[in-house]
PDB file of all heavy atoms in Angstrom:
ATOM      1  N   LEU A   1      74.537 115.442 144.945  1.00  0.00           N
ATOM      2  CA  LEU A   1      73.086 115.491 145.102  1.00  0.00           C
ATOM      3  C   LEU A   1      72.707 114.999 146.531  1.00  0.00           C
ATOM      4  O   LEU A   1      71.939 115.699 147.184  1.00  0.00           O
ATOM      5  CB  LEU A   1      72.356 114.813 144.000  1.00  0.00           C
ATOM      6  CG  LEU A   1      72.256 115.469 142.691  1.00  0.00           C
ATOM      7  CD1 LEU A   1      71.611 114.516 141.639  1.00  0.00           C
ATOM      8  CD2 LEU A   1      71.463 116.700 142.723  1.00  0.00           C
ATOM      9  N   MET A   2      73.337 113.868 146.909  1.00  0.00           N
ATOM     10  CA  MET A   2      73.051 113.430 148.297  1.00  0.00           C
ATOM     11  C   MET A   2      73.546 114.408 149.318  1.00  0.00           C
ATOM     12  O   MET A   2      72.783 114.641 150.336  1.00  0.00           O
ATOM     13  CB  MET A   2      73.711 112.115 148.460  1.00  0.00           C
ATOM     14  CG  MET A   2      72.999 110.925 147.657  1.00  0.00           C
ATOM     15  SD  MET A   2      71.418 110.562 148.102  1.00  0.00           S
ATOM     16  CE  MET A   2      71.724 109.779 149.677  1.00  0.00           C
ATOM     17  N   THR A   3      74.765 114.984 149.018  1.00  0.00           N
ATOM     18  CA  THR A   3      75.224 116.075 150.020  1.00  0.00           C
ATOM     19  C   THR A   3      74.294 117.236 150.044  1.00  0.00           C
ATOM     20  O   THR A   3      74.045 117.866 151.121  1.00  0.00           O
ATOM     21  CB  THR A   3      76.681 116.516 149.639  1.00  0.00           C
ATOM     22  OG1 THR A   3      77.531 115.341 149.721  1.00  0.00           O
ATOM     23  CG2 THR A   3      77.144 117.514 150.652  1.00  0.00           C
ATOM     24  N   ALA A   4      73.850 117.641 148.872  1.00  0.00           N
ATOM     25  CA  ALA A   4      72.925 118.830 148.845  1.00  0.00           C
ATOM     26  C   ALA A   4      71.747 118.643 149.727  1.00  0.00           C
ATOM     27  O   ALA A   4      71.353 119.611 150.441  1.00  0.00           O
ATOM     28  CB  ALA A   4      72.649 119.051 147.338  1.00  0.00           C
ATOM     29  N   PHE A   5      71.056 117.486 149.654  1.00  0.00           N
ATOM     30  CA  PHE A   5      69.913 117.309 150.402  1.00  0.00           C
ATOM     31  C   PHE A   5      70.171 117.080 151.873  1.00  0.00           C
ATOM     32  O   PHE A   5      69.295 117.328 152.711  1.00  0.00           O
ATOM     33  CB  PHE A   5      69.024 116.309 149.750  1.00  0.00           C
ATOM     34  CG  PHE A   5      68.333 116.769 148.557  1.00  0.00           C
ATOM     35  CD1 PHE A   5      68.762 116.375 147.329  1.00  0.00           C
ATOM     36  CD2 PHE A   5      67.149 117.560 148.597  1.00  0.00           C
ATOM     37  CE1 PHE A   5      68.169 116.827 146.160  1.00  0.00           C
ATOM     38  CE2 PHE A   5      66.540 118.015 147.429  1.00  0.00           C
ATOM     39  CZ  PHE A   5      67.020 117.675 146.208  1.00  0.00           C
ATOM     40  N   ARG A   6      71.330 116.596 152.183  1.00  0.00           N
ATOM     41  CA  ARG A   6      71.716 116.533 153.517  1.00  0.00           C
ATOM     42  C   ARG A   6      71.824 117.998 154.150  1.00  0.00           C
ATOM     43  O   ARG A   6      71.508 118.143 155.366  1.00  0.00           O
ATOM     44  CB  ARG A   6      73.061 115.904 153.704  1.00  0.00           C
ATOM     45  CG  ARG A   6      73.041 114.296 153.622  1.00  0.00           C
ATOM     46  CD  ARG A   6      74.348 113.650 153.846  1.00  0.00           C
ATOM     47  NE  ARG A   6      74.384 112.276 153.440  1.00  0.00           N
ATOM     48  CZ  ARG A   6      75.419 111.573 153.513  1.00  0.00           C
ATOM     49  NH1 ARG A   6      76.696 111.998 153.943  1.00  0.00           N
ATOM     50  NH2 ARG A   6      75.476 110.146 153.178  1.00  0.00           N
ATOM     51  N   THR A   7      72.289 118.896 153.320  1.00  0.00           N
ATOM     52  CA  THR A   7      72.485 120.310 153.983  1.00  0.00           C
ATOM     53  C   THR A   7      71.037 120.873 154.138  1.00  0.00           C
ATOM     54  O   THR A   7      70.963 121.922 154.914  1.00  0.00           O
ATOM     55  CB  THR A   7      73.218 121.223 152.932  1.00  0.00           C
ATOM     56  OG1 THR A   7      72.533 121.235 151.610  1.00  0.00           O
ATOM     57  CG2 THR A   7      74.625 120.579 152.580  1.00  0.00           C
ATOM     58  N   ILE A   8      70.023 120.366 153.464  1.00  0.00           N
ATOM     59  CA  ILE A   8      68.651 120.780 153.774  1.00  0.00           C
ATOM     60  C   ILE A   8      68.055 120.153 154.966  1.00  0.00           C
ATOM     61  O   ILE A   8      67.379 120.755 155.825  1.00  0.00           O
ATOM     62  CB  ILE A   8      67.794 120.633 152.508  1.00  0.00           C
ATOM     63  CG1 ILE A   8      68.262 121.257 151.251  1.00  0.00           C
ATOM     64  CG2 ILE A   8      66.271 121.026 152.819  1.00  0.00           C
ATOM     65  CD1 ILE A   8      68.375 122.783 151.440  1.00  0.00           C
ATOM     66  N   PHE A   9      68.229 118.814 155.073  1.00  0.00           N
ATOM     67  CA  PHE A   9      67.545 118.010 156.147  1.00  0.00           C
ATOM     68  C   PHE A   9      68.215 118.369 157.539  1.00  0.00           C
ATOM     69  O   PHE A   9      67.444 118.619 158.429  1.00  0.00           O
ATOM     70  CB  PHE A   9      67.866 116.499 155.845  1.00  0.00           C
ATOM     71  CG  PHE A   9      67.158 115.688 156.812  1.00  0.00           C
ATOM     72  CD1 PHE A   9      65.901 115.130 156.620  1.00  0.00           C
ATOM     73  CD2 PHE A   9      67.908 115.268 158.042  1.00  0.00           C
ATOM     74  CE1 PHE A   9      65.356 114.367 157.597  1.00  0.00           C
ATOM     75  CE2 PHE A   9      67.329 114.539 159.042  1.00  0.00           C
ATOM     76  CZ  PHE A   9      65.955 114.044 158.838  1.00  0.00           C
ATOM     77  N   GLN A  10      69.589 118.385 157.609  1.00  0.00           N
ATOM     78  CA  GLN A  10      70.086 118.514 158.970  1.00  0.00           C
ATOM     79  C   GLN A  10      69.791 119.726 159.702  1.00  0.00           C
ATOM     80  O   GLN A  10      69.431 119.678 160.995  1.00  0.00           O
ATOM     81  CB  GLN A  10      71.640 118.286 158.762  1.00  0.00           C
ATOM     82  CG  GLN A  10      72.297 117.705 160.047  1.00  0.00           C
ATOM     83  CD  GLN A  10      71.734 116.347 160.548  1.00  0.00           C
ATOM     84  OE1 GLN A  10      71.287 115.621 159.793  1.00  0.00           O
ATOM     85  NE2 GLN A  10      71.659 116.273 161.839  1.00  0.00           N
ATOM     86  N   PRO A  11      69.974 120.908 159.091  1.00  0.00           N
ATOM     87  CA  PRO A  11      69.533 122.192 159.869  1.00  0.00           C
ATOM     88  C   PRO A  11      68.096 122.180 160.270  1.00  0.00           C
ATOM     89  O   PRO A  11      67.795 122.604 161.441  1.00  0.00           O
ATOM     90  CB  PRO A  11      69.914 123.378 158.937  1.00  0.00           C
ATOM     91  CG  PRO A  11      70.893 122.748 157.942  1.00  0.00           C
ATOM     92  CD  PRO A  11      70.489 121.347 157.786  1.00  0.00           C
ATOM     93  N   ALA A  12      67.281 121.686 159.415  1.00  0.00           N
ATOM     94  CA  ALA A  12      65.741 121.713 159.813  1.00  0.00           C
ATOM     95  C   ALA A  12      65.531 120.677 160.870  1.00  0.00           C
ATOM     96  O   ALA A  12      64.741 121.002 161.816  1.00  0.00           O
ATOM     97  CB  ALA A  12      64.999 121.151 158.484  1.00  0.00           C
ATOM     98  N   PHE A  13      66.246 119.592 160.943  1.00  0.00           N
ATOM     99  CA  PHE A  13      66.115 118.502 161.979  1.00  0.00           C
ATOM    100  C   PHE A  13      66.610 119.112 163.216  1.00  0.00           C
ATOM    101  O   PHE A  13      65.857 119.016 164.326  1.00  0.00           O
ATOM    102  CB  PHE A  13      66.885 117.241 161.609  1.00  0.00           C
ATOM    103  CG  PHE A  13      66.949 116.201 162.716  1.00  0.00           C
ATOM    104  CD1 PHE A  13      65.864 115.281 162.887  1.00  0.00           C
ATOM    105  CD2 PHE A  13      68.031 116.217 163.678  1.00  0.00           C
ATOM    106  CE1 PHE A  13      65.919 114.351 163.911  1.00  0.00           C
ATOM    107  CE2 PHE A  13      68.050 115.290 164.708  1.00  0.00           C
ATOM    108  CZ  PHE A  13      67.026 114.389 164.741  1.00  0.00           C
ATOM    109  N   GLN A  14      67.772 119.716 163.299  1.00  0.00           N
ATOM    110  CA  GLN A  14      68.290 120.241 164.495  1.00  0.00           C
ATOM    111  C   GLN A  14      67.539 121.426 165.057  1.00  0.00           C
ATOM    112  O   GLN A  14      67.369 121.524 166.300  1.00  0.00           O
ATOM    113  CB  GLN A  14      69.818 120.670 164.299  1.00  0.00           C
ATOM    114  CG  GLN A  14      70.777 119.521 164.030  1.00  0.00           C
ATOM    115  CD  GLN A  14      72.088 119.865 163.562  1.00  0.00           C
ATOM    116  OE1 GLN A  14      72.266 120.779 162.658  1.00  0.00           O
ATOM    117  NE2 GLN A  14      73.181 119.303 164.135  1.00  0.00           N
ATOM    118  N   ALA A  15      67.032 122.345 164.160  1.00  0.00           N
ATOM    119  CA  ALA A  15      66.162 123.354 164.540  1.00  0.00           C
ATOM    120  C   ALA A  15      64.868 122.970 165.097  1.00  0.00           C
ATOM    121  O   ALA A  15      64.238 123.659 165.970  1.00  0.00           O
ATOM    122  CB  ALA A  15      66.038 124.367 163.428  1.00  0.00           C
ATOM    123  N   ALA A  16      64.428 121.737 164.697  1.00  0.00           N
ATOM    124  CA  ALA A  16      63.041 121.183 165.087  1.00  0.00           C
ATOM    125  C   ALA A  16      63.180 120.649 166.496  1.00  0.00           C
ATOM    126  O   ALA A  16      62.121 120.616 167.225  1.00  0.00           O
ATOM    127  CB  ALA A  16      62.493 120.293 164.137  1.00  0.00           C
ATOM    128  N   VAL A  17      64.303 120.140 166.977  1.00  0.00           N
ATOM    129  CA  VAL A  17      64.374 119.308 168.206  1.00  0.00           C
ATOM    130  C   VAL A  17      63.948 120.120 169.397  1.00  0.00           C
ATOM    131  O   VAL A  17      63.066 119.607 170.203  1.00  0.00           O
ATOM    132  CB  VAL A  17      65.825 118.858 168.385  1.00  0.00           C
ATOM    133  CG1 VAL A  17      65.977 118.265 169.814  1.00  0.00           C
ATOM    134  CG2 VAL A  17      66.192 117.883 167.444  1.00  0.00           C
ATOM    135  N   PRO A  18      64.351 121.430 169.584  1.00  0.00           N
ATOM    136  CA  PRO A  18      63.926 122.130 170.776  1.00  0.00           C
ATOM    137  C   PRO A  18      62.406 122.365 170.928  1.00  0.00           C
ATOM    138  O   PRO A  18      61.741 122.500 172.004  1.00  0.00           O
ATOM    139  CB  PRO A  18      64.567 123.550 170.684  1.00  0.00           C
ATOM    140  CG  PRO A  18      65.786 123.315 169.756  1.00  0.00           C
ATOM    141  CD  PRO A  18      65.308 122.230 168.827  1.00  0.00           C
ATOM    142  N   SER A  19      61.754 122.323 169.766  1.00  0.00           N
ATOM    143  CA  SER A  19      60.275 122.586 169.754  1.00  0.00           C
ATOM    144  C   SER A  19      59.500 121.348 170.015  1.00  0.00           C
ATOM    145  O   SER A  19      58.247 121.214 170.191  1.00  0.00           O
ATOM    146  CB  SER A  19      59.825 123.200 168.378  1.00  0.00           C
ATOM    147  OG  SER A  19      60.087 122.317 167.348  1.00  0.00           O
ATOM    148  N   LEU A  20      60.172 120.083 169.989  1.00  0.00           N
ATOM    149  CA  LEU A  20      59.576 118.817 170.198  1.00  0.00           C
ATOM    150  C   LEU A  20      59.821 118.211 171.563  1.00  0.00           C
ATOM    151  O   LEU A  20      59.134 117.245 171.932  1.00  0.00           O
ATOM    152  CB  LEU A  20      60.108 117.851 169.093  1.00  0.00           C
ATOM    153  CG  LEU A  20      59.754 118.122 167.525  1.00  0.00           C
ATOM    154  CD1 LEU A  20      60.399 117.154 166.706  1.00  0.00           C
ATOM    155  CD2 LEU A  20      58.221 118.244 167.433  1.00  0.00           C
ATOM    156  N   VAL A  21      60.751 118.833 172.418  1.00  0.00           N
ATOM    157  CA  VAL A  21      61.005 118.277 173.696  1.00  0.00           C
ATOM    158  C   VAL A  21      60.909 119.462 174.768  1.00  0.00           C
ATOM    159  O   VAL A  21      61.072 120.621 174.342  1.00  0.00           O
ATOM    160  CB  VAL A  21      62.296 117.590 173.828  1.00  0.00           C
ATOM    161  CG1 VAL A  21      62.389 116.336 172.808  1.00  0.00           C
ATOM    162  CG2 VAL A  21      63.443 118.573 173.464  1.00  0.00           C
ATOM    163  N   SER A  22      60.638 119.075 175.941  1.00  0.00           N
ATOM    164  CA  SER A  22      60.688 120.154 177.024  1.00  0.00           C
ATOM    165  C   SER A  22      62.098 120.592 177.318  1.00  0.00           C
ATOM    166  O   SER A  22      63.112 119.877 176.926  1.00  0.00           O
ATOM    167  CB  SER A  22      60.054 119.651 178.200  1.00  0.00           C
ATOM    168  OG  SER A  22      60.748 118.431 178.735  1.00  0.00           O
ATOM    169  N   ALA A  23      62.279 121.739 177.935  1.00  0.00           N
ATOM    170  CA  ALA A  23      63.615 122.321 178.129  1.00  0.00           C
ATOM    171  C   ALA A  23      64.474 121.371 178.909  1.00  0.00           C
ATOM    172  O   ALA A  23      65.635 121.230 178.550  1.00  0.00           O
ATOM    173  CB  ALA A  23      63.535 123.620 178.708  1.00  0.00           C
ATOM    174  N   GLN A  24      63.905 120.754 179.913  1.00  0.00           N
ATOM    175  CA  GLN A  24      64.825 119.931 180.683  1.00  0.00           C
ATOM    176  C   GLN A  24      65.148 118.607 180.097  1.00  0.00           C
ATOM    177  O   GLN A  24      66.128 117.992 180.532  1.00  0.00           O
ATOM    178  CB  GLN A  24      63.984 119.511 182.166  1.00  0.00           C
ATOM    179  CG  GLN A  24      62.742 118.693 181.959  1.00  0.00           C
ATOM    180  CD  GLN A  24      61.482 119.704 181.800  1.00  0.00           C
ATOM    181  OE1 GLN A  24      61.602 120.849 181.315  1.00  0.00           O
ATOM    182  NE2 GLN A  24      60.343 119.102 182.211  1.00  0.00           N
ATOM    183  N   ASN A  25      64.443 118.245 178.982  1.00  0.00           N
ATOM    184  CA  ASN A  25      64.857 117.018 178.369  1.00  0.00           C
ATOM    185  C   ASN A  25      65.741 117.354 177.074  1.00  0.00           C
ATOM    186  O   ASN A  25      66.130 116.400 176.451  1.00  0.00           O
ATOM    187  CB  ASN A  25      63.651 116.307 177.890  1.00  0.00           C
ATOM    188  CG  ASN A  25      62.910 115.581 178.903  1.00  0.00           C
ATOM    189  OD1 ASN A  25      63.491 115.338 179.944  1.00  0.00           O
ATOM    190  ND2 ASN A  25      61.658 115.245 178.721  1.00  0.00           N
ATOM    191  N   LEU A  26      66.121 118.619 176.808  1.00  0.00           N
ATOM    192  CA  LEU A  26      66.855 118.940 175.610  1.00  0.00           C
ATOM    193  C   LEU A  26      68.202 118.169 175.632  1.00  0.00           C
ATOM    194  O   LEU A  26      68.646 117.680 174.667  1.00  0.00           O
ATOM    195  CB  LEU A  26      67.013 120.353 175.578  1.00  0.00           C
ATOM    196  CG  LEU A  26      67.657 120.957 174.271  1.00  0.00           C
ATOM    197  CD1 LEU A  26      67.035 120.443 173.040  1.00  0.00           C
ATOM    198  CD2 LEU A  26      67.777 122.426 174.267  1.00  0.00           C
ATOM    199  N   PRO A  27      69.056 118.336 176.705  1.00  0.00           N
ATOM    200  CA  PRO A  27      70.325 117.617 176.782  1.00  0.00           C
ATOM    201  C   PRO A  27      70.238 116.109 176.530  1.00  0.00           C
ATOM    202  O   PRO A  27      70.960 115.525 175.804  1.00  0.00           O
ATOM    203  CB  PRO A  27      70.895 117.902 178.233  1.00  0.00           C
ATOM    204  CG  PRO A  27      70.200 119.102 178.654  1.00  0.00           C
ATOM    205  CD  PRO A  27      68.748 119.094 178.060  1.00  0.00           C
ATOM    206  N   THR A  28      69.105 115.474 177.129  1.00  0.00           N
ATOM    207  CA  THR A  28      68.888 114.073 176.861  1.00  0.00           C
ATOM    208  C   THR A  28      68.507 113.830 175.449  1.00  0.00           C
ATOM    209  O   THR A  28      68.952 112.887 174.811  1.00  0.00           O
ATOM    210  CB  THR A  28      67.740 113.584 177.780  1.00  0.00           C
ATOM    211  OG1 THR A  28      68.096 113.920 179.149  1.00  0.00           O
ATOM    212  CG2 THR A  28      67.601 112.092 177.597  1.00  0.00           C
ATOM    213  N   ALA A  29      67.805 114.827 174.744  1.00  0.00           N
ATOM    214  CA  ALA A  29      67.402 114.540 173.406  1.00  0.00           C
ATOM    215  C   ALA A  29      68.618 114.706 172.549  1.00  0.00           C
ATOM    216  O   ALA A  29      68.836 113.991 171.575  1.00  0.00           O
ATOM    217  CB  ALA A  29      66.409 115.692 172.990  1.00  0.00           C
ATOM    218  N   ASN A  30      69.568 115.598 172.811  1.00  0.00           N
ATOM    219  CA  ASN A  30      70.774 115.775 172.107  1.00  0.00           C
ATOM    220  C   ASN A  30      71.693 114.561 172.228  1.00  0.00           C
ATOM    221  O   ASN A  30      72.257 114.136 171.270  1.00  0.00           O
ATOM    222  CB  ASN A  30      71.580 117.045 172.547  1.00  0.00           C
ATOM    223  CG  ASN A  30      70.944 118.259 172.079  1.00  0.00           C
ATOM    224  OD1 ASN A  30      70.192 118.314 170.986  1.00  0.00           O
ATOM    225  ND2 ASN A  30      71.026 119.337 172.867  1.00  0.00           N
ATOM    226  N   ALA A  31      71.712 113.923 173.412  1.00  0.00           N
ATOM    227  CA  ALA A  31      72.484 112.733 173.623  1.00  0.00           C
ATOM    228  C   ALA A  31      71.864 111.634 172.870  1.00  0.00           C
ATOM    229  O   ALA A  31      72.572 110.816 172.150  1.00  0.00           O
ATOM    230  CB  ALA A  31      72.489 112.407 175.051  1.00  0.00           C
ATOM    231  N   ALA A  32      70.506 111.546 172.779  1.00  0.00           N
ATOM    232  CA  ALA A  32      69.855 110.494 172.060  1.00  0.00           C
ATOM    233  C   ALA A  32      70.098 110.673 170.515  1.00  0.00           C
ATOM    234  O   ALA A  32      70.312 109.676 169.901  1.00  0.00           O
ATOM    235  CB  ALA A  32      68.327 110.509 172.344  1.00  0.00           C
ATOM    236  N   THR A  33      70.125 111.905 170.142  1.00  0.00           N
ATOM    237  CA  THR A  33      70.433 112.167 168.709  1.00  0.00           C
ATOM    238  C   THR A  33      71.813 111.725 168.276  1.00  0.00           C
ATOM    239  O   THR A  33      72.013 111.076 167.249  1.00  0.00           O
ATOM    240  CB  THR A  33      70.272 113.678 168.396  1.00  0.00           C
ATOM    241  OG1 THR A  33      68.930 114.084 168.765  1.00  0.00           O
ATOM    242  CG2 THR A  33      70.541 114.039 166.942  1.00  0.00           C
ATOM    243  N   GLN A  34      72.798 111.908 169.266  1.00  0.00           N
ATOM    244  CA  GLN A  34      74.221 111.528 169.027  1.00  0.00           C
ATOM    245  C   GLN A  34      74.299 110.074 169.008  1.00  0.00           C
ATOM    246  O   GLN A  34      74.974 109.400 168.235  1.00  0.00           O
ATOM    247  CB  GLN A  34      75.069 112.166 170.152  1.00  0.00           C
ATOM    248  CG  GLN A  34      76.539 111.693 170.043  1.00  0.00           C
ATOM    249  CD  GLN A  34      77.138 112.022 168.678  1.00  0.00           C
ATOM    250  OE1 GLN A  34      76.763 113.054 168.120  1.00  0.00           O
ATOM    251  NE2 GLN A  34      78.183 111.299 168.356  1.00  0.00           N
ATOM    252  N   ILE A  35      73.470 109.383 170.004  1.00  0.00           N
ATOM    253  CA  ILE A  35      73.621 107.891 169.983  1.00  0.00           C
ATOM    254  C   ILE A  35      73.049 107.349 168.637  1.00  0.00           C
ATOM    255  O   ILE A  35      73.631 106.311 168.140  1.00  0.00           O
ATOM    256  CB  ILE A  35      72.801 107.424 171.191  1.00  0.00           C
ATOM    257  CG1 ILE A  35      73.425 107.743 172.464  1.00  0.00           C
ATOM    258  CG2 ILE A  35      72.470 105.801 171.106  1.00  0.00           C
ATOM    259  CD1 ILE A  35      72.470 107.546 173.742  1.00  0.00           C
ATOM    260  N   VAL A  36      71.945 107.852 168.151  1.00  0.00           N
ATOM    261  CA  VAL A  36      71.271 107.505 166.954  1.00  0.00           C
ATOM    262  C   VAL A  36      72.336 107.620 165.736  1.00  0.00           C
ATOM    263  O   VAL A  36      72.563 106.819 164.908  1.00  0.00           O
ATOM    264  CB  VAL A  36      70.010 108.177 166.627  1.00  0.00           C
ATOM    265  CG1 VAL A  36      69.583 108.154 165.206  1.00  0.00           C
ATOM    266  CG2 VAL A  36      68.909 107.578 167.513  1.00  0.00           C
ATOM    267  N   ALA A  37      73.093 108.791 165.791  1.00  0.00           N
ATOM    268  CA  ALA A  37      74.076 109.037 164.673  1.00  0.00           C
ATOM    269  C   ALA A  37      75.149 108.005 164.696  1.00  0.00           C
ATOM    270  O   ALA A  37      75.564 107.455 163.772  1.00  0.00           O
ATOM    271  CB  ALA A  37      74.625 110.463 164.814  1.00  0.00           C
ATOM    272  N   GLU A  38      75.670 107.671 165.883  1.00  0.00           N
ATOM    273  CA  GLU A  38      76.704 106.735 166.064  1.00  0.00           C
ATOM    274  C   GLU A  38      76.274 105.389 165.712  1.00  0.00           C
ATOM    275  O   GLU A  38      76.944 104.523 165.059  1.00  0.00           O
ATOM    276  CB  GLU A  38      77.322 106.825 167.455  1.00  0.00           C
ATOM    277  CG  GLU A  38      78.047 108.104 167.873  1.00  0.00           C
ATOM    278  CD  GLU A  38      79.333 108.304 166.991  1.00  0.00           C
ATOM    279  OE1 GLU A  38      79.837 107.282 166.468  1.00  0.00           O
ATOM    280  OE2 GLU A  38      79.815 109.501 167.046  1.00  0.00           O
ATOM    281  N   ALA A  39      75.076 104.974 166.242  1.00  0.00           N
ATOM    282  CA  ALA A  39      74.482 103.659 165.939  1.00  0.00           C
ATOM    283  C   ALA A  39      74.207 103.433 164.506  1.00  0.00           C
ATOM    284  O   ALA A  39      74.422 102.407 163.913  1.00  0.00           O
ATOM    285  CB  ALA A  39      73.202 103.511 166.816  1.00  0.00           C
ATOM    286  N   GLY A  40      73.662 104.512 163.820  1.00  0.00           N
ATOM    287  CA  GLY A  40      73.455 104.435 162.389  1.00  0.00           C
ATOM    288  C   GLY A  40      74.706 104.280 161.570  1.00  0.00           C
ATOM    289  O   GLY A  40      74.813 103.476 160.653  1.00  0.00           O
ATOM    290  N   GLY A  41      75.729 105.060 162.070  1.00  0.00           N
ATOM    291  CA  GLY A  41      77.062 104.765 161.394  1.00  0.00           C
ATOM    292  C   GLY A  41      77.621 103.550 161.597  1.00  0.00           C
ATOM    293  O   GLY A  41      78.542 102.971 160.819  1.00  0.00           O
ATOM    294  N   LEU A  42      77.298 102.931 162.813  1.00  0.00           N
ATOM    295  CA  LEU A  42      77.840 101.450 163.105  1.00  0.00           C
ATOM    296  C   LEU A  42      77.102 100.428 162.446  1.00  0.00           C
ATOM    297  O   LEU A  42      77.718  99.490 161.800  1.00  0.00           O
ATOM    298  CB  LEU A  42      77.761 101.329 164.698  1.00  0.00           C
ATOM    299  CG  LEU A  42      78.313 100.051 165.229  1.00  0.00           C
ATOM    300  CD1 LEU A  42      80.020 100.120 164.997  1.00  0.00           C
ATOM    301  CD2 LEU A  42      78.047 100.087 166.691  1.00  0.00           C
ATOM    302  N   VAL A  43      75.746 100.568 162.330  1.00  0.00           N
ATOM    303  CA  VAL A  43      74.969  99.658 161.709  1.00  0.00           C
ATOM    304  C   VAL A  43      74.963  99.620 160.228  1.00  0.00           C
ATOM    305  O   VAL A  43      75.002  98.622 159.573  1.00  0.00           O
ATOM    306  CB  VAL A  43      73.498  99.713 162.334  1.00  0.00           C
ATOM    307  CG1 VAL A  43      72.483  98.784 161.471  1.00  0.00           C
ATOM    308  CG2 VAL A  43      73.474  99.431 163.783  1.00  0.00           C
ATOM    309  N   GLY A  44      74.934 100.862 159.673  1.00  0.00           N
ATOM    310  CA  GLY A  44      74.837 101.046 158.160  1.00  0.00           C
ATOM    311  C   GLY A  44      75.748 100.252 157.398  1.00  0.00           C
ATOM    312  O   GLY A  44      75.341  99.381 156.540  1.00  0.00           O
ATOM    313  N   PRO A  45      77.152 100.568 157.570  1.00  0.00           N
ATOM    314  CA  PRO A  45      78.055  99.777 156.652  1.00  0.00           C
ATOM    315  C   PRO A  45      78.001  98.258 156.893  1.00  0.00           C
ATOM    316  O   PRO A  45      78.102  97.554 155.941  1.00  0.00           O
ATOM    317  CB  PRO A  45      79.372 100.405 157.175  1.00  0.00           C
ATOM    318  CG  PRO A  45      79.102 101.665 157.680  1.00  0.00           C
ATOM    319  CD  PRO A  45      77.764 101.492 158.337  1.00  0.00           C
ATOM    320  N   GLY A  46      77.747  97.800 158.167  1.00  0.00           N
ATOM    321  CA  GLY A  46      77.685  96.398 158.478  1.00  0.00           C
ATOM    322  C   GLY A  46      76.450  95.775 157.706  1.00  0.00           C
ATOM    323  O   GLY A  46      76.502  94.700 157.306  1.00  0.00           O
TER     324      GLY A  46
END
């Protein structure tokens, strides 16, 4: 069930990003998203 709802959340999140930032900031936004993913994976288990 947790995996099922991840499959719903993630495409919606990724598809929403370009509509929330300007074109020139899109690479930076993707970098920030990756930083958040890594930081969450680092902080969560600890």
